[in-house]
PDB file of all heavy atoms in Angstrom:
ATOM      1  N   ARG A   1      44.571 125.116  81.589  1.00  0.00           N
ATOM      2  CA  ARG A   1      43.629 125.336  82.600  1.00  0.00           C
ATOM      3  C   ARG A   1      44.252 126.213  83.662  1.00  0.00           C
ATOM      4  O   ARG A   1      45.377 126.402  83.786  1.00  0.00           O
ATOM      5  CB  ARG A   1      43.014 124.062  83.251  1.00  0.00           C
ATOM      6  CG  ARG A   1      44.075 123.041  83.583  1.00  0.00           C
ATOM      7  CD  ARG A   1      44.576 122.912  84.980  1.00  0.00           C
ATOM      8  NE  ARG A   1      43.409 122.851  85.893  1.00  0.00           N
ATOM      9  CZ  ARG A   1      43.612 123.237  87.126  1.00  0.00           C
ATOM     10  NH1 ARG A   1      44.699 123.905  87.470  1.00  0.00           N
ATOM     11  NH2 ARG A   1      42.595 123.136  87.946  1.00  0.00           N
ATOM     12  N   PHE A   2      43.331 126.944  84.431  1.00  0.00           N
ATOM     13  CA  PHE A   2      43.930 127.590  85.481  1.00  0.00           C
ATOM     14  C   PHE A   2      42.977 128.343  86.339  1.00  0.00           C
ATOM     15  O   PHE A   2      41.745 128.319  86.227  1.00  0.00           O
ATOM     16  CB  PHE A   2      44.950 128.678  85.009  1.00  0.00           C
ATOM     17  CG  PHE A   2      45.772 129.193  86.140  1.00  0.00           C
ATOM     18  CD1 PHE A   2      46.393 128.392  86.880  1.00  0.00           C
ATOM     19  CD2 PHE A   2      45.735 130.583  86.329  1.00  0.00           C
ATOM     20  CE1 PHE A   2      47.076 128.940  87.962  1.00  0.00           C
ATOM     21  CE2 PHE A   2      46.456 131.066  87.428  1.00  0.00           C
ATOM     22  CZ  PHE A   2      47.051 130.234  88.254  1.00  0.00           C
ATOM     23  N   PHE A   3      43.575 128.997  87.316  1.00  0.00           N
ATOM     24  CA  PHE A   3      43.186 129.904  88.333  1.00  0.00           C
ATOM     25  C   PHE A   3      42.437 129.109  89.463  1.00  0.00           C
ATOM     26  O   PHE A   3      42.635 127.883  89.632  1.00  0.00           O
ATOM     27  CB  PHE A   3      42.339 131.020  87.851  1.00  0.00           C
ATOM     28  CG  PHE A   3      42.072 132.156  88.789  1.00  0.00           C
ATOM     29  CD1 PHE A   3      43.025 132.283  89.807  1.00  0.00           C
ATOM     30  CD2 PHE A   3      41.108 133.033  88.577  1.00  0.00           C
ATOM     31  CE1 PHE A   3      42.851 133.282  90.675  1.00  0.00           C
ATOM     32  CE2 PHE A   3      41.045 134.156  89.445  1.00  0.00           C
ATOM     33  CZ  PHE A   3      41.883 134.282  90.489  1.00  0.00           C
ATOM     34  N   ILE A   4      41.694 129.845  90.213  1.00  0.00           N
ATOM     35  CA  ILE A   4      41.004 129.284  91.280  1.00  0.00           C
ATOM     36  C   ILE A   4      39.888 128.477  90.810  1.00  0.00           C
ATOM     37  O   ILE A   4      38.838 128.851  90.331  1.00  0.00           O
ATOM     38  CB  ILE A   4      40.449 130.462  92.128  1.00  0.00           C
ATOM     39  CG1 ILE A   4      41.540 131.523  92.431  1.00  0.00           C
ATOM     40  CG2 ILE A   4      39.771 129.987  93.490  1.00  0.00           C
ATOM     41  CD1 ILE A   4      40.945 132.785  92.767  1.00  0.00           C
ATOM     42  N   SER A   5      40.089 127.151  90.831  1.00  0.00           N
ATOM     43  CA  SER A   5      39.167 126.270  90.228  1.00  0.00           C
ATOM     44  C   SER A   5      37.771 126.451  90.722  1.00  0.00           C
ATOM     45  O   SER A   5      36.824 126.326  89.995  1.00  0.00           O
ATOM     46  CB  SER A   5      39.545 124.810  90.403  1.00  0.00           C
ATOM     47  OG  SER A   5      39.710 124.533  91.751  1.00  0.00           O
ATOM     48  N   THR A   6      37.614 126.796  91.997  1.00  0.00           N
ATOM     49  CA  THR A   6      36.290 127.054  92.606  1.00  0.00           C
ATOM     50  C   THR A   6      35.586 128.245  91.802  1.00  0.00           C
ATOM     51  O   THR A   6      34.430 128.000  91.513  1.00  0.00           O
ATOM     52  CB  THR A   6      36.424 127.354  94.058  1.00  0.00           C
ATOM     53  OG1 THR A   6      37.220 128.629  94.135  1.00  0.00           O
ATOM     54  CG2 THR A   6      37.081 126.311  94.763  1.00  0.00           C
ATOM     55  N   ALA A   7      36.284 129.277  91.560  1.00  0.00           N
ATOM     56  CA  ALA A   7      35.589 130.484  91.012  1.00  0.00           C
ATOM     57  C   ALA A   7      35.327 130.134  89.531  1.00  0.00           C
ATOM     58  O   ALA A   7      34.293 130.571  89.012  1.00  0.00           O
ATOM     59  CB  ALA A   7      36.525 131.610  91.152  1.00  0.00           C
ATOM     60  N   LEU A   8      36.211 129.473  88.929  1.00  0.00           N
ATOM     61  CA  LEU A   8      35.999 129.181  87.454  1.00  0.00           C
ATOM     62  C   LEU A   8      34.749 128.272  87.336  1.00  0.00           C
ATOM     63  O   LEU A   8      33.909 128.491  86.492  1.00  0.00           O
ATOM     64  CB  LEU A   8      37.223 128.478  86.951  1.00  0.00           C
ATOM     65  CG  LEU A   8      38.493 129.306  86.670  1.00  0.00           C
ATOM     66  CD1 LEU A   8      39.631 128.389  86.245  1.00  0.00           C
ATOM     67  CD2 LEU A   8      38.164 130.318  85.518  1.00  0.00           C
ATOM     68  N   ALA A   9      34.840 127.214  88.150  1.00  0.00           N
ATOM     69  CA  ALA A   9      33.635 126.317  88.022  1.00  0.00           C
ATOM     70  C   ALA A   9      32.361 126.939  88.351  1.00  0.00           C
ATOM     71  O   ALA A   9      31.361 126.595  87.777  1.00  0.00           O
ATOM     72  CB  ALA A   9      33.962 125.134  88.871  1.00  0.00           C
ATOM     73  N   ALA A  10      32.377 127.764  89.382  1.00  0.00           N
ATOM     74  CA  ALA A  10      31.122 128.392  89.863  1.00  0.00           C
ATOM     75  C   ALA A  10      30.547 129.464  88.900  1.00  0.00           C
ATOM     76  O   ALA A  10      29.477 129.964  89.113  1.00  0.00           O
ATOM     77  CB  ALA A  10      31.311 128.954  91.235  1.00  0.00           C
ATOM     78  N   GLY A  11      31.397 129.870  87.862  1.00  0.00           N
ATOM     79  CA  GLY A  11      30.985 130.953  87.034  1.00  0.00           C
ATOM     80  C   GLY A  11      31.282 132.280  87.598  1.00  0.00           C
ATOM     81  O   GLY A  11      30.881 133.332  87.004  1.00  0.00           O
ATOM     82  N   ALA A  12      31.973 132.354  88.800  1.00  0.00           N
ATOM     83  CA  ALA A  12      32.244 133.742  89.290  1.00  0.00           C
ATOM     84  C   ALA A  12      33.403 134.298  88.413  1.00  0.00           C
ATOM     85  O   ALA A  12      33.565 135.551  88.297  1.00  0.00           O
ATOM     86  CB  ALA A  12      32.849 133.539  90.649  1.00  0.00           C
ATOM     87  N   ILE A  13      34.164 133.454  87.716  1.00  0.00           N
ATOM     88  CA  ILE A  13      35.108 133.934  86.816  1.00  0.00           C
ATOM     89  C   ILE A  13      35.052 133.042  85.614  1.00  0.00           C
ATOM     90  O   ILE A  13      35.178 131.879  85.756  1.00  0.00           O
ATOM     91  CB  ILE A  13      36.563 133.867  87.339  1.00  0.00           C
ATOM     92  CG1 ILE A  13      36.646 134.444  88.716  1.00  0.00           C
ATOM     93  CG2 ILE A  13      37.559 134.512  86.415  1.00  0.00           C
ATOM     94  CD1 ILE A  13      37.929 134.234  89.404  1.00  0.00           C
ATOM     95  N   ALA A  14      34.864 133.590  84.405  1.00  0.00           N
ATOM     96  CA  ALA A  14      35.023 132.815  83.232  1.00  0.00           C
ATOM     97  C   ALA A  14      36.415 132.526  82.966  1.00  0.00           C
ATOM     98  O   ALA A  14      37.294 133.171  83.442  1.00  0.00           O
ATOM     99  CB  ALA A  14      34.433 133.534  82.094  1.00  0.00           C
ATOM    100  N   THR A  15      36.655 131.415  82.223  1.00  0.00           N
ATOM    101  CA  THR A  15      38.104 131.098  81.953  1.00  0.00           C
ATOM    102  C   THR A  15      38.743 132.336  81.270  1.00  0.00           C
ATOM    103  O   THR A  15      38.383 132.715  80.200  1.00  0.00           O
ATOM    104  CB  THR A  15      38.169 129.921  80.940  1.00  0.00           C
ATOM    105  OG1 THR A  15      37.365 128.786  81.546  1.00  0.00           O
ATOM    106  CG2 THR A  15      39.542 129.503  80.639  1.00  0.00           C
ATOM    107  N   PRO A  16      39.778 132.811  81.915  1.00  0.00           N
ATOM    108  CA  PRO A  16      40.432 134.005  81.446  1.00  0.00           C
ATOM    109  C   PRO A  16      41.304 133.833  80.285  1.00  0.00           C
ATOM    110  O   PRO A  16      41.473 132.732  79.802  1.00  0.00           O
ATOM    111  CB  PRO A  16      41.209 134.513  82.680  1.00  0.00           C
ATOM    112  CG  PRO A  16      41.526 133.238  83.415  1.00  0.00           C
ATOM    113  CD  PRO A  16      40.419 132.310  83.121  1.00  0.00           C
ATOM    114  N   ALA A  17      41.850 134.949  79.744  1.00  0.00           N
ATOM    115  CA  ALA A  17      42.677 134.784  78.622  1.00  0.00           C
ATOM    116  C   ALA A  17      43.856 133.847  78.806  1.00  0.00           C
ATOM    117  O   ALA A  17      44.276 133.103  77.928  1.00  0.00           O
ATOM    118  CB  ALA A  17      43.245 136.188  78.174  1.00  0.00           C
ATOM    119  N   CYS A  18      44.415 133.808  79.987  1.00  0.00           N
ATOM    120  CA  CYS A  18      45.569 132.888  80.288  1.00  0.00           C
ATOM    121  C   CYS A  18      45.098 131.488  80.303  1.00  0.00           C
ATOM    122  O   CYS A  18      46.035 130.621  80.502  1.00  0.00           O
ATOM    123  CB  CYS A  18      46.292 133.353  81.455  1.00  0.00           C
ATOM    124  SG  CYS A  18      45.465 133.084  83.055  1.00  0.00           S
ATOM    125  N   ALA A  19      43.849 131.148  80.179  1.00  0.00           N
ATOM    126  CA  ALA A  19      43.483 129.760  80.300  1.00  0.00           C
ATOM    127  C   ALA A  19      42.748 129.303  79.053  1.00  0.00           C
ATOM    128  O   ALA A  19      42.101 128.300  78.938  1.00  0.00           O
ATOM    129  CB  ALA A  19      42.487 129.556  81.539  1.00  0.00           C
ATOM    130  N   ALA A  20      42.924 130.116  78.020  1.00  0.00           N
ATOM    131  CA  ALA A  20      42.396 129.739  76.668  1.00  0.00           C
ATOM    132  C   ALA A  20      43.056 128.545  76.179  1.00  0.00           C
ATOM    133  O   ALA A  20      44.240 128.329  76.369  1.00  0.00           O
ATOM    134  CB  ALA A  20      42.361 130.893  75.767  1.00  0.00           C
ATOM    135  N   ASP A  21      42.395 127.822  75.130  1.00  0.00           N
ATOM    136  CA  ASP A  21      43.076 126.869  74.364  1.00  0.00           C
ATOM    137  C   ASP A  21      44.205 127.392  73.553  1.00  0.00           C
ATOM    138  O   ASP A  21      44.076 128.508  73.001  1.00  0.00           O
ATOM    139  CB  ASP A  21      42.088 126.086  73.563  1.00  0.00           C
ATOM    140  CG  ASP A  21      41.060 125.216  74.377  1.00  0.00           C
ATOM    141  OD1 ASP A  21      41.384 124.937  75.542  1.00  0.00           O
ATOM    142  OD2 ASP A  21      40.016 125.036  73.906  1.00  0.00           O
ATOM    143  N   GLU A  22      45.288 126.586  73.355  1.00  0.00           N
ATOM    144  CA  GLU A  22      46.347 127.114  72.654  1.00  0.00           C
ATOM    145  C   GLU A  22      46.258 126.752  71.174  1.00  0.00           C
ATOM    146  O   GLU A  22      45.882 125.640  70.742  1.00  0.00           O
ATOM    147  CB  GLU A  22      47.679 126.442  73.234  1.00  0.00           C
ATOM    148  CG  GLU A  22      47.838 126.654  74.642  1.00  0.00           C
ATOM    149  CD  GLU A  22      49.029 125.870  75.165  1.00  0.00           C
ATOM    150  OE1 GLU A  22      49.880 125.389  74.371  1.00  0.00           O
ATOM    151  OE2 GLU A  22      49.173 125.739  76.365  1.00  0.00           O
ATOM    152  N   PRO A  23      46.691 127.576  70.328  1.00  0.00           N
ATOM    153  CA  PRO A  23      46.786 127.272  68.907  1.00  0.00           C
ATOM    154  C   PRO A  23      48.077 126.371  68.744  1.00  0.00           C
ATOM    155  O   PRO A  23      48.932 126.401  69.582  1.00  0.00           O
ATOM    156  CB  PRO A  23      47.099 128.574  68.183  1.00  0.00           C
ATOM    157  CG  PRO A  23      47.656 129.460  69.250  1.00  0.00           C
ATOM    158  CD  PRO A  23      47.011 128.988  70.520  1.00  0.00           C
ATOM    159  N   ASP A  24      48.046 125.482  67.790  1.00  0.00           N
ATOM    160  CA  ASP A  24      49.241 124.610  67.631  1.00  0.00           C
ATOM    161  C   ASP A  24      50.328 125.338  67.006  1.00  0.00           C
ATOM    162  O   ASP A  24      50.360 126.528  66.728  1.00  0.00           O
ATOM    163  CB  ASP A  24      48.872 123.380  66.766  1.00  0.00           C
ATOM    164  CG  ASP A  24      48.451 123.736  65.351  1.00  0.00           C
ATOM    165  OD1 ASP A  24      48.865 124.811  64.877  1.00  0.00           O
ATOM    166  OD2 ASP A  24      47.579 122.962  64.807  1.00  0.00           O
ATOM    167  N   ALA A  25      51.577 124.712  67.098  1.00  0.00           N
ATOM    168  CA  ALA A  25      52.849 125.316  66.695  1.00  0.00           C
ATOM    169  C   ALA A  25      52.712 125.891  65.189  1.00  0.00           C
ATOM    170  O   ALA A  25      53.302 126.832  64.864  1.00  0.00           O
ATOM    171  CB  ALA A  25      54.001 124.354  66.817  1.00  0.00           C
ATOM    172  N   ALA A  26      52.075 125.078  64.403  1.00  0.00           N
ATOM    173  CA  ALA A  26      51.972 125.473  63.005  1.00  0.00           C
ATOM    174  C   ALA A  26      51.184 126.836  62.906  1.00  0.00           C
ATOM    175  O   ALA A  26      51.630 127.668  62.043  1.00  0.00           O
ATOM    176  CB  ALA A  26      51.197 124.446  62.166  1.00  0.00           C
ATOM    177  N   ASP A  27      50.153 126.995  63.647  1.00  0.00           N
ATOM    178  CA  ASP A  27      49.463 128.222  63.649  1.00  0.00           C
ATOM    179  C   ASP A  27      50.284 129.371  64.062  1.00  0.00           C
ATOM    180  O   ASP A  27      50.234 130.514  63.621  1.00  0.00           O
ATOM    181  CB  ASP A  27      48.113 128.124  64.455  1.00  0.00           C
ATOM    182  CG  ASP A  27      47.048 127.236  63.832  1.00  0.00           C
ATOM    183  OD1 ASP A  27      47.183 127.006  62.569  1.00  0.00           O
ATOM    184  OD2 ASP A  27      46.232 126.669  64.630  1.00  0.00           O
ATOM    185  N   GLN A  28      51.106 128.997  65.147  1.00  0.00           N
ATOM    186  CA  GLN A  28      51.870 130.217  65.689  1.00  0.00           C
ATOM    187  C   GLN A  28      53.002 130.637  64.638  1.00  0.00           C
ATOM    188  O   GLN A  28      53.218 131.771  64.512  1.00  0.00           O
ATOM    189  CB  GLN A  28      52.612 129.590  66.891  1.00  0.00           C
ATOM    190  CG  GLN A  28      51.676 129.321  68.087  1.00  0.00           C
ATOM    191  CD  GLN A  28      52.375 128.571  69.249  1.00  0.00           C
ATOM    192  OE1 GLN A  28      53.462 128.115  69.135  1.00  0.00           O
ATOM    193  NE2 GLN A  28      51.623 128.517  70.345  1.00  0.00           N
ATOM    194  N   SER A  29      53.588 129.677  63.979  1.00  0.00           N
ATOM    195  CA  SER A  29      54.708 130.018  63.126  1.00  0.00           C
ATOM    196  C   SER A  29      54.149 130.721  61.873  1.00  0.00           C
ATOM    197  O   SER A  29      54.730 131.446  61.179  1.00  0.00           O
ATOM    198  CB  SER A  29      55.458 128.841  62.685  1.00  0.00           C
ATOM    199  OG  SER A  29      54.675 127.839  62.080  1.00  0.00           O
ATOM    200  N   ALA A  30      52.888 130.401  61.531  1.00  0.00           N
ATOM    201  CA  ALA A  30      52.302 130.988  60.353  1.00  0.00           C
ATOM    202  C   ALA A  30      51.699 132.383  60.601  1.00  0.00           C
ATOM    203  O   ALA A  30      51.410 133.136  59.659  1.00  0.00           O
ATOM    204  CB  ALA A  30      51.123 130.072  59.839  1.00  0.00           C
ATOM    205  N   ALA A  31      51.616 132.753  61.820  1.00  0.00           N
ATOM    206  CA  ALA A  31      51.082 134.084  62.171  1.00  0.00           C
ATOM    207  C   ALA A  31      51.939 135.213  61.714  1.00  0.00           C
ATOM    208  O   ALA A  31      53.120 135.294  62.100  1.00  0.00           O
ATOM    209  CB  ALA A  31      50.837 134.320  63.672  1.00  0.00           C
ATOM    210  N   SER A  32      51.466 136.044  60.810  1.00  0.00           N
ATOM    211  CA  SER A  32      52.341 137.034  60.226  1.00  0.00           C
ATOM    212  C   SER A  32      52.160 138.443  60.905  1.00  0.00           C
ATOM    213  O   SER A  32      53.007 139.335  60.882  1.00  0.00           O
ATOM    214  CB  SER A  32      51.953 137.228  58.770  1.00  0.00           C
ATOM    215  OG  SER A  32      50.564 137.689  58.674  1.00  0.00           O
ATOM    216  N   THR A  33      51.059 138.541  61.779  1.00  0.00           N
ATOM    217  CA  THR A  33      50.789 139.785  62.528  1.00  0.00           C
ATOM    218  C   THR A  33      50.404 139.449  63.910  1.00  0.00           C
ATOM    219  O   THR A  33      49.623 138.486  64.197  1.00  0.00           O
ATOM    220  CB  THR A  33      49.667 140.543  61.789  1.00  0.00           C
ATOM    221  OG1 THR A  33      50.067 140.779  60.495  1.00  0.00           O
ATOM    222  CG2 THR A  33      49.430 141.854  62.542  1.00  0.00           C
ATOM    223  N   ILE A  34      50.876 140.205  64.822  1.00  0.00           N
ATOM    224  CA  ILE A  34      50.346 140.096  66.213  1.00  0.00           C
ATOM    225  C   ILE A  34      49.571 141.252  66.550  1.00  0.00           C
ATOM    226  O   ILE A  34      50.024 142.343  66.485  1.00  0.00           O
ATOM    227  CB  ILE A  34      51.637 139.904  67.222  1.00  0.00           C
ATOM    228  CG1 ILE A  34      52.362 138.683  66.861  1.00  0.00           C
ATOM    229  CG2 ILE A  34      51.048 140.018  68.662  1.00  0.00           C
ATOM    230  CD1 ILE A  34      53.542 138.551  67.795  1.00  0.00           C
ATOM    231  N   VAL A  35      48.338 140.976  66.857  1.00  0.00           N
ATOM    232  CA  VAL A  35      47.377 142.092  67.268  1.00  0.00           C
ATOM    233  C   VAL A  35      47.381 142.200  68.788  1.00  0.00           C
ATOM    234  O   VAL A  35      47.286 141.182  69.513  1.00  0.00           O
ATOM    235  CB  VAL A  35      45.988 141.833  66.713  1.00  0.00           C
ATOM    236  CG1 VAL A  35      45.096 142.957  67.183  1.00  0.00           C
ATOM    237  CG2 VAL A  35      45.959 141.722  65.206  1.00  0.00           C
ATOM    238  N   VAL A  36      47.589 143.315  69.288  1.00  0.00           N
ATOM    239  CA  VAL A  36      47.688 143.526  70.669  1.00  0.00           C
ATOM    240  C   VAL A  36      46.434 143.023  71.397  1.00  0.00           C
ATOM    241  O   VAL A  36      45.266 143.382  70.979  1.00  0.00           O
ATOM    242  CB  VAL A  36      47.992 144.978  71.116  1.00  0.00           C
ATOM    243  CG1 VAL A  36      46.841 145.854  70.934  1.00  0.00           C
ATOM    244  CG2 VAL A  36      48.482 144.933  72.531  1.00  0.00           C
ATOM    245  N   THR A  37      46.576 142.192  72.359  1.00  0.00           N
ATOM    246  CA  THR A  37      45.525 141.786  73.229  1.00  0.00           C
ATOM    247  C   THR A  37      45.531 142.562  74.507  1.00  0.00           C
ATOM    248  O   THR A  37      46.667 142.909  74.975  1.00  0.00           O
ATOM    249  CB  THR A  37      45.566 140.253  73.613  1.00  0.00           C
ATOM    250  OG1 THR A  37      45.501 139.510  72.410  1.00  0.00           O
ATOM    251  CG2 THR A  37      44.393 139.846  74.442  1.00  0.00           C
ATOM    252  N   ALA A  38      44.384 142.916  75.081  1.00  0.00           N
ATOM    253  CA  ALA A  38      44.444 143.740  76.368  1.00  0.00           C
ATOM    254  C   ALA A  38      45.376 143.190  77.399  1.00  0.00           C
ATOM    255  O   ALA A  38      45.476 141.953  77.523  1.00  0.00           O
ATOM    256  CB  ALA A  38      43.064 143.832  76.880  1.00  0.00           C
ATOM    257  N   SER A  39      46.107 143.990  78.113  1.00  0.00           N
ATOM    258  CA  SER A  39      47.021 143.419  79.073  1.00  0.00           C
ATOM    259  C   SER A  39      46.315 142.660  80.170  1.00  0.00           C
ATOM    260  O   SER A  39      46.895 141.805  80.816  1.00  0.00           O
ATOM    261  CB  SER A  39      47.843 144.633  79.757  1.00  0.00           C
ATOM    262  OG  SER A  39      46.893 145.516  80.405  1.00  0.00           O
ATOM    263  N   ARG A  40      45.063 142.992  80.381  1.00  0.00           N
ATOM    264  CA  ARG A  40      44.239 142.338  81.304  1.00  0.00           C
ATOM    265  C   ARG A  40      42.981 141.773  80.640  1.00  0.00           C
ATOM    266  O   ARG A  40      42.358 142.406  79.849  1.00  0.00           O
ATOM    267  CB  ARG A  40      43.873 143.143  82.572  1.00  0.00           C
ATOM    268  CG  ARG A  40      45.077 143.646  83.323  1.00  0.00           C
ATOM    269  CD  ARG A  40      44.715 144.748  84.243  1.00  0.00           C
ATOM    270  NE  ARG A  40      46.017 145.599  84.456  1.00  0.00           N
ATOM    271  CZ  ARG A  40      46.002 146.786  84.961  1.00  0.00           C
ATOM    272  NH1 ARG A  40      44.888 147.339  85.134  1.00  0.00           N
ATOM    273  NH2 ARG A  40      47.143 147.337  85.099  1.00  0.00           N
TER     274      ARG A  40
END
């Protein structure tokens, strides 16, 4: 979770990329390709 909880909860900011749910370690190690995600 993250950021300014007020803005997230109010819908002023949707949960950003840095607050997304994490894949588990197995998914991470199985990833054969990394596709660039926007820097922002």
